[in-house]
Amino acid sequence: MLKDRGIDVIFGIPGVHNQEMYRGIEEAGISHVLARHEQGAGFMADGYARATGLPGVAYVITGPGVCNIMTPMGQAYSDSVPVLVLSSCLDETAARRGQLHQMKDQEIAAGTVCDWSETAHSAEAAYSLIDRALGEFDVNRPRSKHIQVPIAQLEASAPPPPPPFPAANGVPFGDTATGNAREWVGMLSKARRPIFIFGGGAVGAAAPARMLMKRTGAAAFTTYAGRGILPADEPLNFGSYLARPDSVSILKKADLILAVGTELAEVDLWRAHLGHNCPMIRVDIDPAVLRDQQRADFQVAAGANSFLTCFLEAMPEDMSHDWTAAEISTARTKWRAEVEAEYAPIPQIADALRACLPEDAMIYSDMTQFAYCAKEIWDMDRPGHWHHPYGFGTLGYAMPAAIGGAIGRPGKPTMAIMGDYGFHYTMQELGVAVELGLSIPIILWDNGKLGAIEASMVGAQIAPNAVIARNPDFLKLAEAFGAHAVAPRTLADMQDAVRAAFDADGPTLIYLTPDITM
């Protein structure tokens, strides 16, 4: 059934409870990637989904398997990633105690971190739930889902699955909203300082977004997840500096905000409110987003591409507004200087790293100061090519997610960026990358501590505590797994190492510290 619905790869770990799920995988023509930990399997499925746009599927066992993959499920839920977790479960839990892998309520536990969690008590129910999940990935906000099947059902004979449903057409842009587009175009034409905000939900709408910028003369911000929707050389692009406190002073100059495909969440703004005092048009496929604390004046339930295309069609002629390239450049220069002061020497290292990457490189980053800095100053040349655990904010994401991404894009460049502490969470998945011969540069930034936490403690007037852990010799550790490892001493050496890593016969750990020579 999964193969007939376009699933080519499954990430997971077999166990005695879910071994029946492995019967027939090879005959169906599906590849299985053996993770070293269920958390790694979930992040791989997430990375695969972000790289391909297809659902990432993971197999896990009852109890601890489900618990271990709940962190990736939470991450995929918060970042709108189509991940489907299929697990086994016990046949009876109320009348029997002390069973292997027993939980009080596995279905409910999983349901706390995903869109929904259901139990399939028959083969027909399993087929129906899988089709429901895949269908919702197509037409709703894609979020992780969990289906569990009792062991007795997994071991039973089953009828063939039904044929696949016809492909869905995605989120429609209704007739009523189409009619309103002329009204919104009129509002935009009357505004003198309109600002667009493009988020991760608009990644698939880069073409109309770029055309809209050319035809309107409006200014724009992108969220971290929306980087690359606008080209780096767009003169009226404020970039991904929306979370800079002083961005509020810019937003207060606006007389119209049009926010497309963004939650405007805490992790986008690092403040409760956007900071504008003008009308806002909000476009999103999630009704809950449209009615959030930002209190948009006009709410449009639509996909970004459909909306922006319709908006362009409703424009009778090009517009001009009062924003100038000079004032955008001044603001960006100021914010860049702030980042350099906060994160030195990371900005210079990030610039050098960006300069040596091949075209179409896809990056997966972890919760690390290197990524926090780069998300602000690193302009992407295309959307959907930098993936980060934005919402849930889990450590250990980058390397297994990059493995999933590399599997989803064979032959194309994929890179991971991790901190020393986050590497400890999923370092065992380095074995998977070695086993599969994946040419992934793994940038390991070692500042010897939990730097962001230390800074937060100091800012809160707390004496830094528990922010330093003894690290291993990361180079020897990587070599023990069978990976390549190098510690560049200069930026030029780093660039050479990165270029070589993309052509290597397996992953390369590239160890960087603040002592690298500029």
Protein backbone atom coordinates (compact mmCIF):
# COMPACT_ATOMS: atom_id res chain seq x y z
CA MET A 1 0.00 0.00 0.00
CA LEU A 2 2.77 2.45 0.93
CA LYS A 3 4.65 1.78 -2.29
CA ASP A 4 1.49 2.34 -4.34
CA ARG A 5 1.14 5.72 -2.64
CA GLY A 6 4.63 6.88 -3.54
CA ILE A 7 6.57 5.87 -0.41
CA ASP A 8 10.06 4.71 -1.40
CA VAL A 9 11.95 4.98 1.89
CA ILE A 10 11.13 4.01 5.47
CA PHE A 11 13.30 5.02 8.44
CA GLY A 12 13.15 2.94 11.56
CA ILE A 13 14.29 0.19 13.89
CA PRO A 14 12.74 -3.30 13.96
CA GLY A 15 11.83 -5.11 17.16
CA VAL A 16 9.86 -8.19 18.10
CA HIS A 17 6.69 -6.11 18.41
CA ASN A 18 6.82 -4.50 14.98
CA GLN A 19 8.71 -7.11 12.97
CA GLU A 20 5.59 -7.98 10.97
CA MET A 21 5.69 -4.44 9.53
CA TYR A 22 8.96 -5.47 7.89
CA ARG A 23 7.49 -8.44 6.04
CA GLY A 24 7.56 -7.66 2.32
CA ILE A 25 9.41 -4.32 2.42
CA GLU A 26 12.07 -5.44 -0.05
CA GLU A 27 9.55 -7.19 -2.29
CA ALA A 28 7.59 -3.96 -2.49
CA GLY A 29 10.69 -2.09 -3.65
CA ILE A 30 10.96 0.11 -0.56
CA SER A 31 14.33 0.94 0.99
CA HIS A 32 14.66 0.79 4.76
CA VAL A 33 17.22 2.93 6.60
CA LEU A 34 18.25 1.45 9.93
CA ALA A 35 18.69 4.25 12.45
CA ARG A 36 20.70 3.82 15.62
CA HIS A 37 17.95 5.35 17.80
CA GLU A 38 14.28 6.06 17.20
CA GLN A 39 14.94 9.76 17.68
CA GLY A 40 17.36 9.57 14.78
CA ALA A 41 14.78 7.71 12.66
CA GLY A 42 12.25 10.47 13.27
CA PHE A 43 14.69 13.26 12.40
CA MET A 44 15.74 11.38 9.25
CA ALA A 45 12.10 11.13 8.19
CA ASP A 46 11.74 14.86 8.90
CA GLY A 47 14.85 15.73 6.88
CA TYR A 48 13.72 13.53 4.00
CA ALA A 49 10.30 15.21 3.96
CA ARG A 50 11.77 18.72 4.00
CA ALA A 51 14.16 17.86 1.17
CA THR A 52 11.65 16.15 -1.10
CA GLY A 53 8.23 17.52 -0.18
CA LEU A 54 7.10 13.89 0.20
CA PRO A 55 5.95 12.32 3.48
CA GLY A 56 8.68 10.95 5.70
CA VAL A 57 7.67 7.57 7.13
CA ALA A 58 9.11 5.95 10.25
CA TYR A 59 8.59 2.51 11.83
CA VAL A 60 9.03 2.10 15.61
CA ILE A 61 8.15 -0.39 18.30
CA THR A 62 5.69 -0.21 21.16
CA GLY A 63 6.48 1.81 24.28
CA PRO A 64 10.05 3.13 24.32
CA GLY A 65 10.17 3.28 20.52
CA VAL A 66 7.18 5.59 20.49
CA CYS A 67 8.56 7.63 23.41
CA ASN A 68 11.91 8.03 21.69
CA ILE A 69 10.37 9.32 18.48
CA MET A 70 8.02 11.75 20.21
CA THR A 71 10.65 14.52 20.11
CA PRO A 72 10.92 14.33 16.29
CA MET A 73 7.13 14.14 16.10
CA GLY A 74 6.89 17.32 18.12
CA GLN A 75 9.47 19.00 15.91
CA ALA A 76 7.63 18.00 12.72
CA TYR A 77 4.35 19.19 14.22
CA SER A 78 5.68 22.64 15.10
CA ASP A 79 7.47 23.11 11.77
CA SER A 80 4.66 21.78 9.54
CA VAL A 81 6.55 18.75 8.22
CA PRO A 82 4.67 15.70 6.81
CA VAL A 83 5.98 12.86 8.99
CA LEU A 84 3.96 9.67 9.46
CA VAL A 85 4.97 7.39 12.33
CA LEU A 86 3.69 3.81 12.23
CA SER A 87 4.11 1.80 15.41
CA SER A 88 2.99 -1.39 17.01
CA CYS A 89 1.01 -1.41 20.24
CA LEU A 90 -0.12 -3.96 22.79
CA ASP A 91 -3.42 -5.74 22.21
CA GLU A 92 -4.65 -5.24 25.76
CA THR A 93 -3.43 -2.91 28.49
CA ALA A 94 -6.32 -2.46 30.92
CA ALA A 95 -6.63 -6.10 32.05
CA ARG A 96 -2.97 -7.09 31.78
CA ARG A 97 0.01 -5.57 33.54
CA GLY A 98 3.76 -6.09 33.34
CA GLN A 99 3.93 -6.66 29.59
CA LEU A 100 7.02 -5.86 27.57
CA HIS A 101 7.07 -2.18 26.46
CA GLN A 102 3.79 -1.46 28.26
CA MET A 103 2.56 2.13 28.59
CA LYS A 104 -0.56 3.40 30.33
CA ASP A 105 -1.87 5.02 27.14
CA GLN A 106 0.46 5.06 24.17
CA GLU A 107 -2.08 6.55 21.76
CA ILE A 108 -2.73 9.56 23.97
CA ALA A 109 0.96 10.03 24.79
CA ALA A 110 1.86 10.24 21.11
CA GLY A 111 -1.13 12.49 20.46
CA THR A 112 0.30 15.20 22.71
CA VAL A 113 3.06 15.99 20.19
CA CYS A 114 1.45 15.39 16.79
CA ASP A 115 -1.64 16.32 14.80
CA TRP A 116 -3.46 13.14 15.73
CA SER A 117 -2.75 9.66 17.04
CA GLU A 118 -5.10 6.77 16.27
CA THR A 119 -5.26 2.99 16.72
CA ALA A 120 -6.10 0.75 13.75
CA HIS A 121 -8.06 -2.25 15.04
CA SER A 122 -8.31 -3.85 11.61
CA ALA A 123 -6.44 -3.91 8.31
CA GLU A 124 -9.18 -1.83 6.75
CA ALA A 125 -8.80 0.76 9.51
CA ALA A 126 -5.03 0.89 8.98
CA TYR A 127 -5.50 1.45 5.25
CA SER A 128 -8.10 4.15 5.88
CA LEU A 129 -5.99 5.97 8.47
CA ILE A 130 -2.92 5.93 6.23
CA ASP A 131 -4.94 7.37 3.34
CA ARG A 132 -6.37 9.98 5.70
CA ALA A 133 -2.89 11.01 6.83
CA LEU A 134 -1.47 11.21 3.31
CA GLY A 135 -4.53 13.11 2.08
CA GLU A 136 -4.30 15.64 4.89
CA PHE A 137 -0.62 16.19 4.12
CA ASP A 138 -1.73 17.29 0.64
CA VAL A 139 -4.56 19.67 1.51
CA ASN A 140 -4.08 20.76 5.14
CA ARG A 141 -1.17 22.15 7.06
CA PRO A 142 1.22 19.18 6.97
CA ARG A 143 1.94 18.00 10.50
CA SER A 144 3.17 14.76 12.04
CA LYS A 145 0.66 11.96 12.63
CA HIS A 146 0.83 8.61 14.44
CA ILE A 147 -0.93 5.35 13.65
CA GLN A 148 -0.50 2.33 15.88
CA VAL A 149 -1.55 -1.23 15.10
CA PRO A 150 -2.07 -3.95 17.74
CA ILE A 151 0.41 -6.81 17.49
CA ALA A 152 -2.32 -9.40 16.87
CA GLN A 153 -3.56 -7.38 13.91
CA LEU A 154 -0.02 -7.08 12.52
CA GLU A 155 0.30 -10.87 12.69
CA ALA A 156 -3.11 -11.57 11.13
CA SER A 157 -3.92 -12.10 7.48
CA ALA A 158 -5.18 -8.99 5.72
CA PRO A 159 -7.09 -8.23 2.53
CA PRO A 160 -5.34 -6.20 -0.19
CA PRO A 161 -5.40 -2.43 0.26
CA PRO A 162 -7.74 -0.26 -1.81
CA PRO A 163 -6.32 1.61 -4.81
CA PRO A 164 -4.85 5.07 -4.18
CA PHE A 165 -7.10 8.12 -4.23
CA PRO A 166 -6.66 10.61 -7.07
CA ALA A 167 -4.05 13.25 -6.31
CA ALA A 168 -5.36 16.22 -4.35
CA ASN A 169 -5.13 19.72 -5.76
CA GLY A 170 -3.88 21.41 -2.61
CA VAL A 171 -5.46 24.31 -0.75
CA PRO A 172 -7.93 26.19 -2.95
CA PHE A 173 -8.24 29.93 -3.21
CA GLY A 174 -12.02 30.32 -3.15
CA ASP A 175 -14.24 32.47 -5.34
CA THR A 176 -15.09 34.80 -2.44
CA ALA A 177 -11.43 35.44 -1.69
CA THR A 178 -10.75 35.93 -5.40
CA GLY A 179 -13.32 38.67 -5.50
CA ASN A 180 -11.78 40.28 -2.45
CA ALA A 181 -8.37 40.33 -4.13
CA ARG A 182 -9.39 43.45 -6.04
CA GLU A 183 -10.19 45.16 -2.74
CA TRP A 184 -6.79 44.22 -1.30
CA VAL A 185 -5.03 45.37 -4.44
CA GLY A 186 -6.83 48.67 -3.98
CA MET A 187 -5.58 48.88 -0.40
CA LEU A 188 -2.04 48.21 -1.56
CA SER A 189 -2.23 50.87 -4.26
CA LYS A 190 -3.33 53.49 -1.70
CA ALA A 191 -0.64 52.57 0.83
CA ARG A 192 2.63 54.48 0.70
CA ARG A 193 4.74 52.20 2.91
CA PRO A 194 3.42 48.65 2.62
CA ILE A 195 5.45 45.71 3.93
CA PHE A 196 5.19 42.07 2.91
CA ILE A 197 6.24 39.34 5.35
CA PHE A 198 6.93 35.97 3.75
CA GLY A 199 7.20 32.89 5.96
CA GLY A 200 7.99 29.23 5.54
CA GLY A 201 4.47 28.57 4.28
CA ALA A 202 5.30 30.68 1.22
CA VAL A 203 8.38 28.68 0.21
CA GLY A 204 6.50 27.25 -2.76
CA ALA A 205 5.43 30.71 -3.90
CA ALA A 206 8.82 32.30 -4.59
CA ALA A 207 8.02 33.11 -8.23
CA PRO A 208 4.87 35.18 -7.60
CA ALA A 209 6.43 36.70 -4.47
CA ARG A 210 9.42 37.96 -6.44
CA MET A 211 7.16 39.25 -9.20
CA LEU A 212 5.00 41.02 -6.64
CA MET A 213 8.07 42.79 -5.25
CA LYS A 214 9.01 44.01 -8.73
CA ARG A 215 5.52 45.19 -9.61
CA THR A 216 4.59 46.89 -6.33
CA GLY A 217 7.72 48.57 -5.00
CA ALA A 218 6.77 47.39 -1.50
CA ALA A 219 9.37 46.44 1.11
CA ALA A 220 9.55 43.00 2.67
CA PHE A 221 10.85 40.85 5.49
CA THR A 222 11.23 37.09 5.43
CA THR A 223 11.13 34.89 8.49
CA TYR A 224 14.01 32.51 9.12
CA ALA A 225 12.07 29.72 7.41
CA GLY A 226 11.20 32.03 4.51
CA ARG A 227 14.78 32.89 3.55
CA GLY A 228 15.39 32.50 -0.16
CA ILE A 229 11.85 33.35 -1.21
CA LEU A 230 13.27 36.73 -2.21
CA PRO A 231 16.67 36.99 -3.91
CA ALA A 232 19.60 38.20 -1.84
CA ASP A 233 20.05 41.19 -4.14
CA GLU A 234 16.45 42.39 -3.88
CA PRO A 235 17.00 46.05 -2.90
CA LEU A 236 13.77 46.37 -0.89
CA ASN A 237 14.27 43.18 1.13
CA PHE A 238 14.93 43.82 4.84
CA GLY A 239 16.04 40.18 5.07
CA SER A 240 15.46 37.83 7.99
CA TYR A 241 16.05 40.42 10.70
CA LEU A 242 12.44 40.39 11.89
CA ALA A 243 13.48 39.29 15.38
CA ARG A 244 15.80 42.27 15.84
CA PRO A 245 14.12 44.47 18.49
CA ASP A 246 14.60 47.57 16.33
CA SER A 247 12.57 46.01 13.48
CA VAL A 248 9.54 47.35 15.36
CA SER A 249 10.58 50.89 14.44
CA ILE A 250 10.47 49.90 10.77
CA LEU A 251 7.13 48.12 11.09
CA LYS A 252 5.62 51.17 12.77
CA LYS A 253 6.37 53.13 9.60
CA ALA A 254 4.24 50.73 7.56
CA ASP A 255 0.69 51.65 6.59
CA LEU A 256 -0.21 48.14 5.42
CA ILE A 257 1.16 44.69 6.35
CA LEU A 258 0.57 41.65 4.16
CA ALA A 259 1.78 38.51 5.97
CA VAL A 260 1.83 35.33 3.87
CA GLY A 261 2.47 31.83 5.19
CA THR A 262 3.87 32.75 8.58
CA GLU A 263 2.72 32.13 12.14
CA LEU A 264 4.46 35.29 13.34
CA ALA A 265 5.21 33.12 16.33
CA GLU A 266 7.54 33.71 19.24
CA VAL A 267 10.36 31.93 17.40
CA ASP A 268 9.86 34.29 14.44
CA LEU A 269 9.72 37.52 16.42
CA TRP A 270 11.01 36.88 19.94
CA ARG A 271 8.28 39.20 21.14
CA ALA A 272 4.55 38.75 21.63
CA HIS A 273 3.36 41.17 18.96
CA LEU A 274 4.66 42.08 15.53
CA GLY A 275 4.74 45.75 16.49
CA HIS A 276 2.76 47.30 13.64
CA ASN A 277 -0.05 49.84 14.08
CA CYS A 278 -1.65 49.60 10.64
CA PRO A 279 -4.07 47.22 8.89
CA MET A 280 -2.87 43.65 8.30
CA ILE A 281 -3.90 41.15 5.64
CA ARG A 282 -3.08 37.62 6.83
CA VAL A 283 -2.85 34.66 4.43
CA ASP A 284 -2.50 31.12 5.77
CA ILE A 285 -3.91 27.62 5.33
CA ASP A 286 -4.35 27.22 9.12
CA PRO A 287 -7.50 28.88 10.51
CA ALA A 288 -5.95 28.99 13.99
CA VAL A 289 -3.12 31.19 12.68
CA LEU A 290 -5.58 33.62 11.11
CA ARG A 291 -7.25 34.25 14.47
CA ASP A 292 -4.19 34.52 16.69
CA GLN A 293 -2.92 37.29 18.97
CA GLN A 294 -1.73 39.37 16.00
CA ARG A 295 -5.43 40.04 15.28
CA ALA A 296 -5.22 40.53 11.53
CA ASP A 297 -7.82 42.86 10.08
CA PHE A 298 -8.35 40.64 7.04
CA GLN A 299 -7.97 36.85 7.22
CA VAL A 300 -7.52 34.78 4.05
CA ALA A 301 -7.64 30.99 4.28
CA ALA A 302 -5.58 30.11 1.22
CA GLY A 303 -2.32 28.67 -0.02
CA ALA A 304 0.43 31.23 -0.60
CA ASN A 305 0.99 30.42 -4.27
CA SER A 306 -2.72 30.58 -5.14
CA PHE A 307 -3.21 33.82 -3.25
CA LEU A 308 -0.19 35.64 -4.65
CA THR A 309 -0.94 34.49 -8.20
CA CYS A 310 -4.51 35.74 -7.89
CA PHE A 311 -3.27 38.98 -6.35
CA LEU A 312 -0.97 39.59 -9.31
CA GLU A 313 -3.76 38.87 -11.78
CA ALA A 314 -5.97 41.42 -10.02
CA MET A 315 -3.35 44.18 -10.38
CA PRO A 316 -4.28 46.41 -13.33
CA GLU A 317 -0.86 48.07 -13.48
CA ASP A 318 2.46 48.35 -11.65
CA MET A 319 2.68 50.44 -8.49
CA SER A 320 5.21 52.66 -6.80
CA HIS A 321 5.70 53.30 -3.09
CA ASP A 322 7.89 55.40 -0.82
CA TRP A 323 10.42 52.82 0.37
CA THR A 324 13.96 53.39 -0.86
CA ALA A 325 16.82 50.96 -1.26
CA ALA A 326 19.02 53.30 0.79
CA GLU A 327 16.91 53.10 3.95
CA ILE A 328 16.65 49.30 3.68
CA SER A 329 20.41 49.08 3.26
CA THR A 330 20.98 51.33 6.28
CA ALA A 331 18.76 49.16 8.46
CA ARG A 332 20.40 45.94 7.30
CA THR A 333 23.88 47.34 7.91
CA LYS A 334 22.91 48.32 11.45
CA TRP A 335 21.43 44.90 12.21
CA ARG A 336 24.41 43.11 10.74
CA ALA A 337 26.68 45.11 13.06
CA GLU A 338 24.54 44.07 16.04
CA VAL A 339 24.86 40.41 15.08
CA GLU A 340 28.63 40.76 14.69
CA ALA A 341 28.88 42.29 18.15
CA GLU A 342 26.78 39.51 19.70
CA TYR A 343 28.25 36.49 17.95
CA ALA A 344 31.86 37.28 16.99
CA PRO A 345 33.67 35.57 15.28
CA ILE A 346 30.82 33.48 13.82
CA PRO A 347 29.65 36.00 11.15
CA GLN A 348 33.01 35.97 9.39
CA ILE A 349 33.16 32.16 9.52
CA ALA A 350 29.61 31.93 8.19
CA ASP A 351 30.47 34.27 5.31
CA ALA A 352 33.45 32.13 4.36
CA LEU A 353 31.39 28.96 4.62
CA ARG A 354 28.66 30.34 2.41
CA ALA A 355 31.20 31.40 -0.21
CA CYS A 356 32.53 27.86 -0.68
CA LEU A 357 29.25 25.96 -0.96
CA PRO A 358 28.21 24.49 -4.30
CA GLU A 359 25.01 25.58 -6.00
CA ASP A 360 21.84 23.97 -4.66
CA ALA A 361 23.44 23.00 -1.34
CA MET A 362 20.86 22.08 1.30
CA ILE A 363 21.70 22.87 4.92
CA TYR A 364 20.39 21.33 8.13
CA SER A 365 21.28 23.14 11.35
CA ASP A 366 20.93 22.41 15.04
CA MET A 367 20.21 24.49 18.11
CA THR A 368 23.61 26.16 18.26
CA GLN A 369 24.91 29.72 18.34
CA PHE A 370 26.42 29.23 14.89
CA ALA A 371 22.94 28.67 13.46
CA TYR A 372 21.31 31.44 15.52
CA CYS A 373 23.78 33.88 14.01
CA ALA A 374 23.67 32.51 10.46
CA LYS A 375 19.86 32.54 10.29
CA GLU A 376 19.97 36.32 10.46
CA ILE A 377 22.88 37.18 8.18
CA TRP A 378 22.97 34.30 5.68
CA ASP A 379 20.87 35.23 2.64
CA MET A 380 19.77 32.12 0.77
CA ASP A 381 19.65 32.20 -3.01
CA ARG A 382 16.64 29.86 -3.14
CA PRO A 383 13.88 28.90 -0.70
CA GLY A 384 13.51 25.65 1.22
CA HIS A 385 17.24 24.96 1.40
CA TRP A 386 17.99 25.72 5.06
CA HIS A 387 16.20 23.52 7.58
CA HIS A 388 16.29 24.14 11.31
CA PRO A 389 14.31 22.90 14.34
CA TYR A 390 12.52 26.23 14.62
CA GLY A 391 9.44 25.66 16.75
CA PHE A 392 10.11 22.74 19.09
CA GLY A 393 13.78 23.67 19.25
CA THR A 394 15.27 20.25 19.86
CA LEU A 395 18.95 19.46 20.10
CA GLY A 396 20.43 16.71 17.95
CA TYR A 397 18.34 17.46 14.87
CA ALA A 398 20.86 18.45 12.22
CA MET A 399 22.92 15.34 11.48
CA PRO A 400 20.12 12.73 11.25
CA ALA A 401 17.93 15.20 9.37
CA ALA A 402 20.76 15.82 6.92
CA ILE A 403 21.05 12.06 6.43
CA GLY A 404 17.37 11.93 5.52
CA GLY A 405 17.80 14.91 3.22
CA ALA A 406 20.78 13.37 1.47
CA ILE A 407 18.83 10.16 0.91
CA GLY A 408 15.96 12.18 -0.52
CA ARG A 409 18.27 14.10 -2.90
CA PRO A 410 20.87 11.58 -4.05
CA GLY A 411 23.87 13.17 -5.70
CA LYS A 412 23.02 16.68 -4.53
CA PRO A 413 25.03 18.56 -1.86
CA THR A 414 23.80 18.34 1.73
CA MET A 415 25.49 19.80 4.83
CA ALA A 416 24.88 19.68 8.58
CA ILE A 417 25.77 22.37 11.14
CA MET A 418 25.86 21.31 14.80
CA GLY A 419 27.15 22.52 18.13
CA ASP A 420 29.34 20.43 20.40
CA TYR A 421 26.55 19.76 22.89
CA GLY A 422 23.87 18.93 20.32
CA PHE A 423 26.23 16.45 18.68
CA HIS A 424 26.08 14.34 21.84
CA TYR A 425 22.34 13.79 21.36
CA THR A 426 22.48 11.90 18.07
CA MET A 427 26.18 11.27 17.40
CA GLN A 428 25.42 7.58 16.95
CA GLU A 429 23.66 8.33 13.65
CA LEU A 430 27.09 9.12 12.20
CA GLY A 431 27.28 5.37 11.74
CA VAL A 432 24.31 5.50 9.37
CA ALA A 433 25.97 8.14 7.21
CA VAL A 434 29.15 6.02 7.08
CA GLU A 435 27.19 2.87 6.32
CA LEU A 436 25.39 4.55 3.41
CA GLY A 437 28.50 6.37 2.14
CA LEU A 438 26.84 9.79 2.30
CA SER A 439 29.15 12.70 1.38
CA ILE A 440 27.92 15.08 4.08
CA PRO A 441 30.14 17.80 5.55
CA ILE A 442 29.27 18.01 9.24
CA ILE A 443 30.29 21.38 10.64
CA LEU A 444 30.86 20.90 14.37
CA TRP A 445 31.09 24.23 16.19
CA ASP A 446 32.78 23.71 19.53
CA ASN A 447 32.79 26.71 21.85
CA GLY A 448 33.27 24.39 24.83
CA LYS A 449 29.97 25.17 26.48
CA LEU A 450 26.27 25.84 26.14
CA GLY A 451 27.03 29.37 25.00
CA ALA A 452 23.48 30.59 24.43
CA ILE A 453 22.34 29.28 27.82
CA GLU A 454 25.30 30.88 29.56
CA ALA A 455 24.50 34.22 27.93
CA SER A 456 20.85 33.90 28.94
CA MET A 457 21.81 33.15 32.54
CA VAL A 458 24.11 36.14 32.65
CA GLY A 459 21.37 38.32 31.18
CA ALA A 460 19.02 37.12 33.92
CA GLN A 461 21.68 37.80 36.59
CA ILE A 462 22.10 34.10 37.34
CA ALA A 463 25.58 32.79 38.00
CA PRO A 464 26.24 30.44 35.04
CA ASN A 465 25.79 26.87 36.18
CA ALA A 466 25.80 23.50 34.38
CA VAL A 467 26.75 25.02 31.04
CA ILE A 468 30.08 23.24 30.57
CA ALA A 469 30.41 19.52 29.82
CA ARG A 470 33.59 17.60 29.16
CA ASN A 471 33.81 16.86 25.45
CA PRO A 472 35.48 13.87 23.84
CA ASP A 473 38.10 14.11 21.12
CA PHE A 474 35.55 14.63 18.36
CA LEU A 475 38.03 13.88 15.59
CA LYS A 476 38.96 10.49 17.03
CA LEU A 477 35.30 9.77 17.72
CA ALA A 478 34.36 10.44 14.10
CA GLU A 479 37.25 8.30 12.87
CA ALA A 480 36.11 5.49 15.16
CA PHE A 481 32.79 5.50 13.32
CA GLY A 482 34.68 5.31 10.03
CA ALA A 483 34.07 8.93 9.05
CA HIS A 484 36.63 11.41 7.81
CA ALA A 485 37.64 14.14 10.26
CA VAL A 486 39.57 17.38 9.97
CA ALA A 487 40.24 20.44 12.14
CA PRO A 488 40.96 23.45 9.88
CA ARG A 489 43.12 26.17 11.38
CA THR A 490 42.21 28.95 8.94
CA LEU A 491 39.13 29.98 6.99
CA ALA A 492 40.87 29.01 3.76
CA ASP A 493 41.59 25.56 5.18
CA MET A 494 37.94 25.27 6.20
CA GLN A 495 36.78 26.10 2.69
CA ASP A 496 39.11 23.48 1.22
CA ALA A 497 37.85 20.91 3.72
CA VAL A 498 34.20 21.63 2.88
CA ARG A 499 34.81 21.34 -0.86
CA ALA A 500 36.63 18.04 -0.36
CA ALA A 501 33.88 16.73 1.92
CA PHE A 502 31.23 17.01 -0.80
CA ASP A 503 33.37 14.69 -2.96
CA ALA A 504 34.40 12.27 -0.21
CA ASP A 505 33.32 8.62 0.00
CA GLY A 506 31.45 9.23 3.25
CA PRO A 507 30.71 11.91 5.85
CA THR A 508 33.38 14.34 7.04
CA LEU A 509 33.41 15.93 10.49
CA ILE A 510 34.82 19.46 10.15
CA TYR A 511 35.77 20.64 13.62
CA LEU A 512 35.71 24.41 14.20
CA THR A 513 36.42 26.47 17.30
CA PRO A 514 36.44 30.23 17.98
CA ASP A 515 40.24 30.09 17.69
CA ILE A 516 40.18 29.58 13.92
CA THR A 517 42.37 32.12 12.14
CA MET A 518 40.41 34.68 10.14
